[in-house]
Amino acid sequence: MEISEVRVKLVNNKDDRLKAFCSVTMDNEFVVRDIKVIEGTGGYFVAMPSRKMTDHCEKCGGKNHLRAKFCNNCGAALPENRARKDIKGRMKLHADIAHPINAECRQRIQEKVILAFKEEMEKSKQPGYKPVEMDEPDDEVPEVIS
């Protein structure tokens, strides 16, 4: 697998650990969006796209994220600690949407993304800097034929 393109959209909030959102194109054929660059205690690292885990209200069946205290649908109080725990005993609140299968692939992605992030940070210091456009213009999206 070749990483053929990395797009980086810097995040402006200086106090937040989240520094950028990225999209990675592989083999000029497959894109993974919403990869995050996060500043940790040991430096920058990459977090894969994920979604919040949910469950259903016992009263009405409404869907709620696992940290919700009340049902979004009926307002009923929800039990605490509804999330399953991982091997380390931490609550599992998010599920990966896309992720590397092995450490070598994760390392390759992380290296390319962090390099592109640092390059974008340098570009952002230049006068007249324009942020990267993450979404494709509407006229470039192919029409779906059914």
N, C-alpha and C. Protein backbone atom coordinates (compact mmCIF):
# COMPACT_ATOMS: atom_id res chain seq x y z
N MET A 1 0.84 -1.17 0.00
CA MET A 1 0.00 0.00 0.00
C MET A 1 0.89 1.24 0.00
N GLU A 2 0.59 2.14 -0.91
CA GLU A 2 1.32 3.41 -0.98
C GLU A 2 0.40 4.53 -0.53
N ILE A 3 0.90 5.39 0.35
CA ILE A 3 0.15 6.57 0.73
C ILE A 3 0.44 7.62 -0.33
N SER A 4 -0.56 7.89 -1.18
CA SER A 4 -0.32 8.75 -2.33
C SER A 4 -0.61 10.22 -2.04
N GLU A 5 -1.40 10.53 -1.01
CA GLU A 5 -1.67 11.93 -0.67
C GLU A 5 -2.11 12.03 0.78
N VAL A 6 -1.69 13.12 1.43
CA VAL A 6 -2.16 13.45 2.77
C VAL A 6 -2.58 14.91 2.74
N ARG A 7 -3.83 15.17 3.10
CA ARG A 7 -4.33 16.55 3.22
C ARG A 7 -4.49 16.86 4.69
N VAL A 8 -4.07 18.06 5.08
CA VAL A 8 -4.09 18.45 6.49
C VAL A 8 -4.87 19.74 6.65
N LYS A 9 -5.85 19.73 7.54
CA LYS A 9 -6.62 20.92 7.89
C LYS A 9 -6.30 21.25 9.35
N LEU A 10 -5.55 22.33 9.56
CA LEU A 10 -5.15 22.72 10.91
C LEU A 10 -6.35 23.19 11.72
N VAL A 11 -6.31 22.94 13.03
CA VAL A 11 -7.36 23.37 13.94
C VAL A 11 -6.84 24.60 14.68
N ASN A 12 -7.65 25.64 14.78
CA ASN A 12 -7.20 26.92 15.35
C ASN A 12 -7.16 26.98 16.86
N ASN A 13 -7.90 26.16 17.58
CA ASN A 13 -7.97 26.27 19.04
C ASN A 13 -6.61 25.94 19.66
N LYS A 14 -5.92 26.95 20.15
CA LYS A 14 -4.56 26.79 20.68
C LYS A 14 -4.51 25.99 21.98
N ASP A 15 -5.59 25.99 22.76
CA ASP A 15 -5.60 25.31 24.06
C ASP A 15 -5.93 23.82 23.96
N ASP A 16 -6.42 23.39 22.82
CA ASP A 16 -6.86 22.01 22.66
C ASP A 16 -5.71 21.11 22.21
N ARG A 17 -5.77 19.84 22.58
CA ARG A 17 -4.75 18.88 22.15
C ARG A 17 -4.92 18.49 20.68
N LEU A 18 -6.15 18.60 20.16
CA LEU A 18 -6.42 18.30 18.75
C LEU A 18 -5.80 19.38 17.90
N LYS A 19 -4.88 19.01 17.01
CA LYS A 19 -4.14 19.98 16.21
C LYS A 19 -4.57 20.03 14.74
N ALA A 20 -5.09 18.90 14.21
CA ALA A 20 -5.46 18.89 12.79
C ALA A 20 -6.35 17.70 12.49
N PHE A 21 -7.11 17.85 11.40
CA PHE A 21 -7.84 16.74 10.79
C PHE A 21 -7.15 16.45 9.47
N CYS A 22 -7.05 15.19 9.10
CA CYS A 22 -6.36 14.80 7.88
C CYS A 22 -7.20 13.82 7.08
N SER A 23 -6.93 13.79 5.78
CA SER A 23 -7.45 12.72 4.94
C SER A 23 -6.24 12.09 4.26
N VAL A 24 -6.24 10.77 4.18
CA VAL A 24 -5.14 10.02 3.61
C VAL A 24 -5.66 9.23 2.42
N THR A 25 -5.02 9.43 1.27
CA THR A 25 -5.37 8.68 0.07
C THR A 25 -4.34 7.57 -0.11
N MET A 26 -4.84 6.37 -0.35
CA MET A 26 -3.97 5.21 -0.53
C MET A 26 -4.08 4.69 -1.96
N ASP A 27 -2.94 4.45 -2.57
CA ASP A 27 -2.85 3.92 -3.93
C ASP A 27 -3.69 4.71 -4.93
N ASN A 28 -3.84 6.02 -4.69
CA ASN A 28 -4.66 6.88 -5.56
C ASN A 28 -6.06 6.35 -5.77
N GLU A 29 -6.55 5.51 -4.83
CA GLU A 29 -7.86 4.88 -5.03
C GLU A 29 -8.77 4.90 -3.81
N PHE A 30 -8.23 5.04 -2.62
CA PHE A 30 -9.04 4.88 -1.42
C PHE A 30 -8.69 5.97 -0.42
N VAL A 31 -9.71 6.66 0.11
CA VAL A 31 -9.49 7.78 1.03
C VAL A 31 -10.05 7.44 2.41
N VAL A 32 -9.27 7.76 3.44
CA VAL A 32 -9.76 7.69 4.82
C VAL A 32 -9.74 9.12 5.33
N ARG A 33 -10.91 9.61 5.74
CA ARG A 33 -11.04 10.99 6.24
C ARG A 33 -11.14 11.01 7.75
N ASP A 34 -11.00 12.18 8.30
CA ASP A 34 -11.16 12.43 9.75
C ASP A 34 -10.12 11.73 10.61
N ILE A 35 -8.93 11.56 10.08
CA ILE A 35 -7.80 11.13 10.91
C ILE A 35 -7.35 12.36 11.68
N LYS A 36 -7.09 12.21 12.97
CA LYS A 36 -6.76 13.36 13.80
C LYS A 36 -5.28 13.36 14.18
N VAL A 37 -4.68 14.55 14.23
CA VAL A 37 -3.34 14.72 14.79
C VAL A 37 -3.55 15.32 16.18
N ILE A 38 -3.04 14.63 17.19
CA ILE A 38 -3.23 15.03 18.58
C ILE A 38 -1.86 15.22 19.21
N GLU A 39 -1.76 16.27 20.05
CA GLU A 39 -0.52 16.52 20.77
C GLU A 39 -0.60 15.81 22.12
N GLY A 40 0.23 14.79 22.28
CA GLY A 40 0.29 14.05 23.54
C GLY A 40 1.50 14.45 24.34
N THR A 41 1.69 13.82 25.48
CA THR A 41 2.83 14.14 26.33
C THR A 41 4.15 13.77 25.67
N GLY A 42 4.14 12.75 24.79
CA GLY A 42 5.35 12.32 24.11
C GLY A 42 5.49 12.87 22.71
N GLY A 43 4.69 13.86 22.34
CA GLY A 43 4.73 14.43 21.01
C GLY A 43 3.43 14.20 20.27
N TYR A 44 3.45 14.40 18.96
CA TYR A 44 2.26 14.24 18.15
C TYR A 44 1.99 12.77 17.87
N PHE A 45 0.70 12.41 17.81
CA PHE A 45 0.33 11.07 17.37
C PHE A 45 -0.95 11.15 16.56
N VAL A 46 -1.25 10.08 15.87
CA VAL A 46 -2.39 10.01 14.96
C VAL A 46 -3.48 9.16 15.59
N ALA A 47 -4.71 9.67 15.54
CA ALA A 47 -5.88 8.91 16.00
C ALA A 47 -6.76 8.64 14.79
N MET A 48 -7.13 7.39 14.63
CA MET A 48 -7.96 6.98 13.49
C MET A 48 -9.40 7.46 13.68
N PRO A 49 -10.16 7.57 12.58
CA PRO A 49 -11.55 8.01 12.70
C PRO A 49 -12.36 7.00 13.52
N SER A 50 -13.25 7.53 14.35
CA SER A 50 -14.06 6.66 15.20
C SER A 50 -15.44 7.27 15.37
N ARG A 51 -16.33 6.49 15.94
CA ARG A 51 -17.68 6.98 16.24
C ARG A 51 -17.97 6.68 17.70
N LYS A 52 -18.87 7.47 18.28
CA LYS A 52 -19.25 7.23 19.66
C LYS A 52 -20.10 5.97 19.72
N MET A 53 -19.83 5.13 20.72
CA MET A 53 -20.62 3.93 20.93
C MET A 53 -21.97 4.34 21.52
N THR A 54 -23.01 3.62 21.17
CA THR A 54 -24.35 3.93 21.64
C THR A 54 -25.04 2.69 22.19
N ASP A 55 -26.13 2.93 22.88
CA ASP A 55 -27.04 1.85 23.29
C ASP A 55 -28.45 2.40 23.19
N HIS A 56 -29.42 1.59 23.61
CA HIS A 56 -30.82 1.99 23.47
C HIS A 56 -31.48 2.11 24.85
N CYS A 57 -32.35 3.09 24.96
CA CYS A 57 -33.10 3.34 26.18
C CYS A 57 -34.00 2.14 26.49
N GLU A 58 -33.98 1.70 27.74
CA GLU A 58 -34.83 0.57 28.14
C GLU A 58 -36.30 0.93 28.09
N LYS A 59 -36.62 2.21 28.24
CA LYS A 59 -38.02 2.65 28.28
C LYS A 59 -38.62 2.79 26.88
N CYS A 60 -37.92 3.53 25.98
CA CYS A 60 -38.50 3.83 24.66
C CYS A 60 -37.74 3.24 23.48
N GLY A 61 -36.53 2.74 23.73
CA GLY A 61 -35.72 2.19 22.63
C GLY A 61 -34.90 3.23 21.90
N GLY A 62 -34.95 4.49 22.33
CA GLY A 62 -34.19 5.56 21.69
C GLY A 62 -32.69 5.33 21.79
N LYS A 63 -31.96 5.81 20.79
CA LYS A 63 -30.51 5.62 20.72
C LYS A 63 -29.79 6.76 21.46
N ASN A 64 -28.80 6.40 22.30
CA ASN A 64 -28.07 7.39 23.10
C ASN A 64 -26.60 7.02 23.17
N HIS A 65 -25.72 8.03 23.21
CA HIS A 65 -24.31 7.72 23.40
C HIS A 65 -24.11 7.28 24.85
N LEU A 66 -23.05 6.55 25.11
CA LEU A 66 -22.87 5.86 26.39
C LEU A 66 -22.60 6.79 27.58
N ARG A 67 -22.27 8.02 27.34
CA ARG A 67 -22.07 8.97 28.46
C ARG A 67 -23.34 9.77 28.76
N ALA A 68 -24.38 9.59 27.94
CA ALA A 68 -25.63 10.33 28.16
C ALA A 68 -26.24 9.93 29.50
N LYS A 69 -26.74 10.92 30.23
CA LYS A 69 -27.40 10.66 31.51
C LYS A 69 -28.89 10.50 31.33
N PHE A 70 -29.42 11.11 30.26
CA PHE A 70 -30.86 11.05 29.98
C PHE A 70 -31.07 10.68 28.52
N CYS A 71 -32.18 10.01 28.24
CA CYS A 71 -32.52 9.59 26.88
C CYS A 71 -32.80 10.81 26.01
N ASN A 72 -32.23 10.83 24.81
CA ASN A 72 -32.48 11.91 23.85
C ASN A 72 -33.92 11.92 23.36
N ASN A 73 -34.58 10.78 23.43
CA ASN A 73 -35.92 10.63 22.88
C ASN A 73 -37.01 10.92 23.92
N CYS A 74 -36.96 10.24 25.07
CA CYS A 74 -38.05 10.36 26.05
C CYS A 74 -37.64 11.11 27.32
N GLY A 75 -36.35 11.35 27.52
CA GLY A 75 -35.89 12.08 28.69
C GLY A 75 -35.70 11.24 29.94
N ALA A 76 -35.93 9.95 29.85
CA ALA A 76 -35.78 9.07 31.02
C ALA A 76 -34.32 9.02 31.46
N ALA A 77 -34.11 8.89 32.77
CA ALA A 77 -32.75 8.75 33.30
C ALA A 77 -32.17 7.42 32.81
N LEU A 78 -30.89 7.44 32.42
CA LEU A 78 -30.22 6.24 31.93
C LEU A 78 -29.25 5.75 33.01
N PRO A 79 -29.06 4.42 33.12
CA PRO A 79 -28.10 3.90 34.10
C PRO A 79 -26.68 4.37 33.78
N GLU A 80 -25.85 4.52 34.81
CA GLU A 80 -24.46 4.91 34.60
C GLU A 80 -23.62 3.70 34.24
N ASN A 81 -22.41 3.93 33.74
CA ASN A 81 -21.43 2.88 33.42
C ASN A 81 -22.02 1.79 32.54
N ARG A 82 -22.69 2.20 31.45
CA ARG A 82 -23.29 1.23 30.52
C ARG A 82 -22.27 0.70 29.52
N ALA A 83 -21.10 1.32 29.44
CA ALA A 83 -20.09 0.93 28.45
C ALA A 83 -19.36 -0.33 28.89
N ARG A 84 -19.02 -1.15 27.89
CA ARG A 84 -18.15 -2.31 28.16
C ARG A 84 -16.77 -1.80 28.48
N LYS A 85 -15.99 -2.61 29.16
CA LYS A 85 -14.62 -2.22 29.50
C LYS A 85 -13.64 -2.97 28.62
N ASP A 86 -12.51 -2.31 28.31
CA ASP A 86 -11.47 -2.95 27.52
C ASP A 86 -10.57 -3.79 28.43
N ILE A 87 -9.51 -4.33 27.86
CA ILE A 87 -8.60 -5.21 28.59
C ILE A 87 -8.00 -4.51 29.81
N LYS A 88 -7.77 -3.19 29.69
CA LYS A 88 -7.16 -2.43 30.78
C LYS A 88 -8.18 -1.92 31.78
N GLY A 89 -9.45 -2.27 31.61
CA GLY A 89 -10.49 -1.85 32.54
C GLY A 89 -11.08 -0.48 32.25
N ARG A 90 -10.71 0.13 31.11
CA ARG A 90 -11.26 1.44 30.74
C ARG A 90 -12.56 1.26 29.97
N MET A 91 -13.48 2.22 30.14
CA MET A 91 -14.73 2.15 29.40
C MET A 91 -14.47 2.35 27.91
N LYS A 92 -15.09 1.51 27.10
CA LYS A 92 -14.96 1.60 25.65
C LYS A 92 -16.08 2.50 25.15
N LEU A 93 -15.73 3.77 24.85
CA LEU A 93 -16.73 4.76 24.46
C LEU A 93 -16.75 5.04 22.96
N HIS A 94 -15.69 4.62 22.24
CA HIS A 94 -15.60 4.85 20.80
C HIS A 94 -15.22 3.56 20.09
N ALA A 95 -15.67 3.45 18.84
CA ALA A 95 -15.30 2.31 18.00
C ALA A 95 -14.63 2.85 16.74
N ASP A 96 -13.52 2.24 16.34
CA ASP A 96 -12.83 2.66 15.12
C ASP A 96 -13.71 2.43 13.90
N ILE A 97 -13.65 3.37 12.98
CA ILE A 97 -14.32 3.23 11.69
C ILE A 97 -13.35 2.60 10.70
N ALA A 98 -12.10 3.05 10.75
CA ALA A 98 -11.04 2.51 9.90
C ALA A 98 -9.77 2.52 10.72
N HIS A 99 -8.97 1.48 10.57
CA HIS A 99 -7.71 1.43 11.32
C HIS A 99 -6.76 0.44 10.68
N PRO A 100 -5.44 0.63 10.91
CA PRO A 100 -4.45 -0.31 10.38
C PRO A 100 -4.55 -1.65 11.10
N ILE A 101 -4.18 -2.70 10.40
CA ILE A 101 -4.26 -4.05 10.96
C ILE A 101 -3.02 -4.39 11.78
N ASN A 102 -1.88 -3.78 11.44
CA ASN A 102 -0.65 -4.12 12.19
C ASN A 102 0.15 -2.86 12.52
N ALA A 103 1.13 -3.03 13.39
CA ALA A 103 1.94 -1.91 13.89
C ALA A 103 2.74 -1.24 12.77
N GLU A 104 3.22 -2.03 11.81
CA GLU A 104 4.02 -1.47 10.72
C GLU A 104 3.19 -0.51 9.87
N CYS A 105 1.97 -0.89 9.57
CA CYS A 105 1.09 -0.03 8.79
C CYS A 105 0.75 1.23 9.58
N ARG A 106 0.45 1.08 10.86
CA ARG A 106 0.15 2.25 11.70
C ARG A 106 1.34 3.21 11.70
N GLN A 107 2.54 2.67 11.81
CA GLN A 107 3.75 3.50 11.85
C GLN A 107 3.93 4.26 10.54
N ARG A 108 3.71 3.58 9.41
CA ARG A 108 3.84 4.24 8.10
C ARG A 108 2.85 5.40 7.97
N ILE A 109 1.61 5.13 8.36
CA ILE A 109 0.58 6.18 8.27
C ILE A 109 0.95 7.33 9.19
N GLN A 110 1.32 7.01 10.43
CA GLN A 110 1.65 8.06 11.40
C GLN A 110 2.81 8.93 10.91
N GLU A 111 3.86 8.30 10.40
CA GLU A 111 5.02 9.06 9.92
C GLU A 111 4.63 10.01 8.80
N LYS A 112 3.86 9.53 7.82
CA LYS A 112 3.46 10.37 6.68
C LYS A 112 2.54 11.50 7.13
N VAL A 113 1.59 11.19 8.01
CA VAL A 113 0.64 12.20 8.46
C VAL A 113 1.35 13.27 9.29
N ILE A 114 2.21 12.87 10.22
CA ILE A 114 2.91 13.84 11.07
C ILE A 114 3.84 14.72 10.22
N LEU A 115 4.51 14.13 9.23
CA LEU A 115 5.36 14.91 8.32
C LEU A 115 4.52 15.94 7.57
N ALA A 116 3.38 15.52 7.01
CA ALA A 116 2.51 16.44 6.28
C ALA A 116 1.96 17.52 7.22
N PHE A 117 1.65 17.15 8.46
CA PHE A 117 1.17 18.11 9.45
C PHE A 117 2.23 19.18 9.72
N LYS A 118 3.47 18.76 9.94
CA LYS A 118 4.55 19.71 10.22
C LYS A 118 4.80 20.62 9.02
N GLU A 119 4.72 20.07 7.80
CA GLU A 119 4.87 20.88 6.59
C GLU A 119 3.75 21.92 6.50
N GLU A 120 2.52 21.51 6.82
CA GLU A 120 1.38 22.43 6.77
C GLU A 120 1.53 23.51 7.83
N MET A 121 2.06 23.15 9.00
CA MET A 121 2.31 24.14 10.06
C MET A 121 3.29 25.20 9.56
N GLU A 122 4.35 24.77 8.87
CA GLU A 122 5.32 25.72 8.32
C GLU A 122 4.67 26.61 7.26
N LYS A 123 3.87 26.02 6.38
CA LYS A 123 3.19 26.80 5.34
C LYS A 123 2.27 27.84 5.97
N SER A 124 1.64 27.48 7.09
CA SER A 124 0.66 28.38 7.72
C SER A 124 1.31 29.65 8.27
N LYS A 125 2.61 29.62 8.44
CA LYS A 125 3.34 30.79 8.94
C LYS A 125 3.66 31.79 7.84
N GLN A 126 3.46 31.39 6.58
CA GLN A 126 3.77 32.25 5.44
C GLN A 126 2.65 33.26 5.21
N PRO A 127 3.01 34.46 4.74
CA PRO A 127 1.95 35.44 4.41
C PRO A 127 1.09 34.92 3.27
N GLY A 128 -0.20 35.18 3.35
CA GLY A 128 -1.12 34.75 2.30
C GLY A 128 -1.48 33.28 2.36
N TYR A 129 -1.18 32.62 3.46
CA TYR A 129 -1.50 31.20 3.60
C TYR A 129 -2.99 30.96 3.45
N LYS A 130 -3.35 29.95 2.67
CA LYS A 130 -4.74 29.54 2.53
C LYS A 130 -4.84 28.09 2.98
N PRO A 131 -5.75 27.80 3.91
CA PRO A 131 -5.90 26.42 4.39
C PRO A 131 -6.29 25.47 3.27
N VAL A 132 -5.91 24.22 3.43
CA VAL A 132 -6.25 23.17 2.47
C VAL A 132 -7.75 22.94 2.50
N GLU A 133 -8.34 22.75 1.33
CA GLU A 133 -9.77 22.41 1.23
C GLU A 133 -9.90 20.90 1.37
N MET A 134 -10.63 20.46 2.38
CA MET A 134 -10.72 19.01 2.65
C MET A 134 -11.75 18.32 1.78
N ASP A 135 -12.88 18.96 1.53
CA ASP A 135 -13.94 18.31 0.77
C ASP A 135 -13.80 18.63 -0.71
N GLU A 136 -14.19 17.67 -1.51
CA GLU A 136 -14.14 17.85 -2.95
C GLU A 136 -15.25 18.81 -3.36
N PRO A 137 -15.01 19.68 -4.35
CA PRO A 137 -16.10 20.51 -4.86
C PRO A 137 -17.21 19.62 -5.43
N ASP A 138 -18.46 20.09 -5.35
CA ASP A 138 -19.61 19.30 -5.78
C ASP A 138 -19.50 18.83 -7.23
N ASP A 139 -18.88 19.63 -8.09
CA ASP A 139 -18.82 19.26 -9.51
C ASP A 139 -17.83 18.12 -9.78
N GLU A 140 -17.03 17.74 -8.77
CA GLU A 140 -16.10 16.64 -8.97
C GLU A 140 -16.61 15.32 -8.43
N VAL A 141 -17.77 15.33 -7.76
CA VAL A 141 -18.33 14.11 -7.21
C VAL A 141 -19.06 13.38 -8.33
N PRO A 142 -18.72 12.12 -8.60
CA PRO A 142 -19.37 11.41 -9.69
C PRO A 142 -20.84 11.15 -9.38
N GLU A 143 -21.66 11.18 -10.42
CA GLU A 143 -23.09 10.92 -10.26
C GLU A 143 -23.32 9.44 -10.03
N VAL A 144 -24.21 9.12 -9.10
CA VAL A 144 -24.55 7.73 -8.82
C VAL A 144 -25.64 7.29 -9.78
N ILE A 145 -25.41 6.20 -10.46
CA ILE A 145 -26.38 5.67 -11.41
C ILE A 145 -27.01 4.43 -10.81
N SER A 146 -28.34 4.42 -10.75
CA SER A 146 -29.00 3.25 -10.15
C SER A 146 -29.64 2.36 -11.16
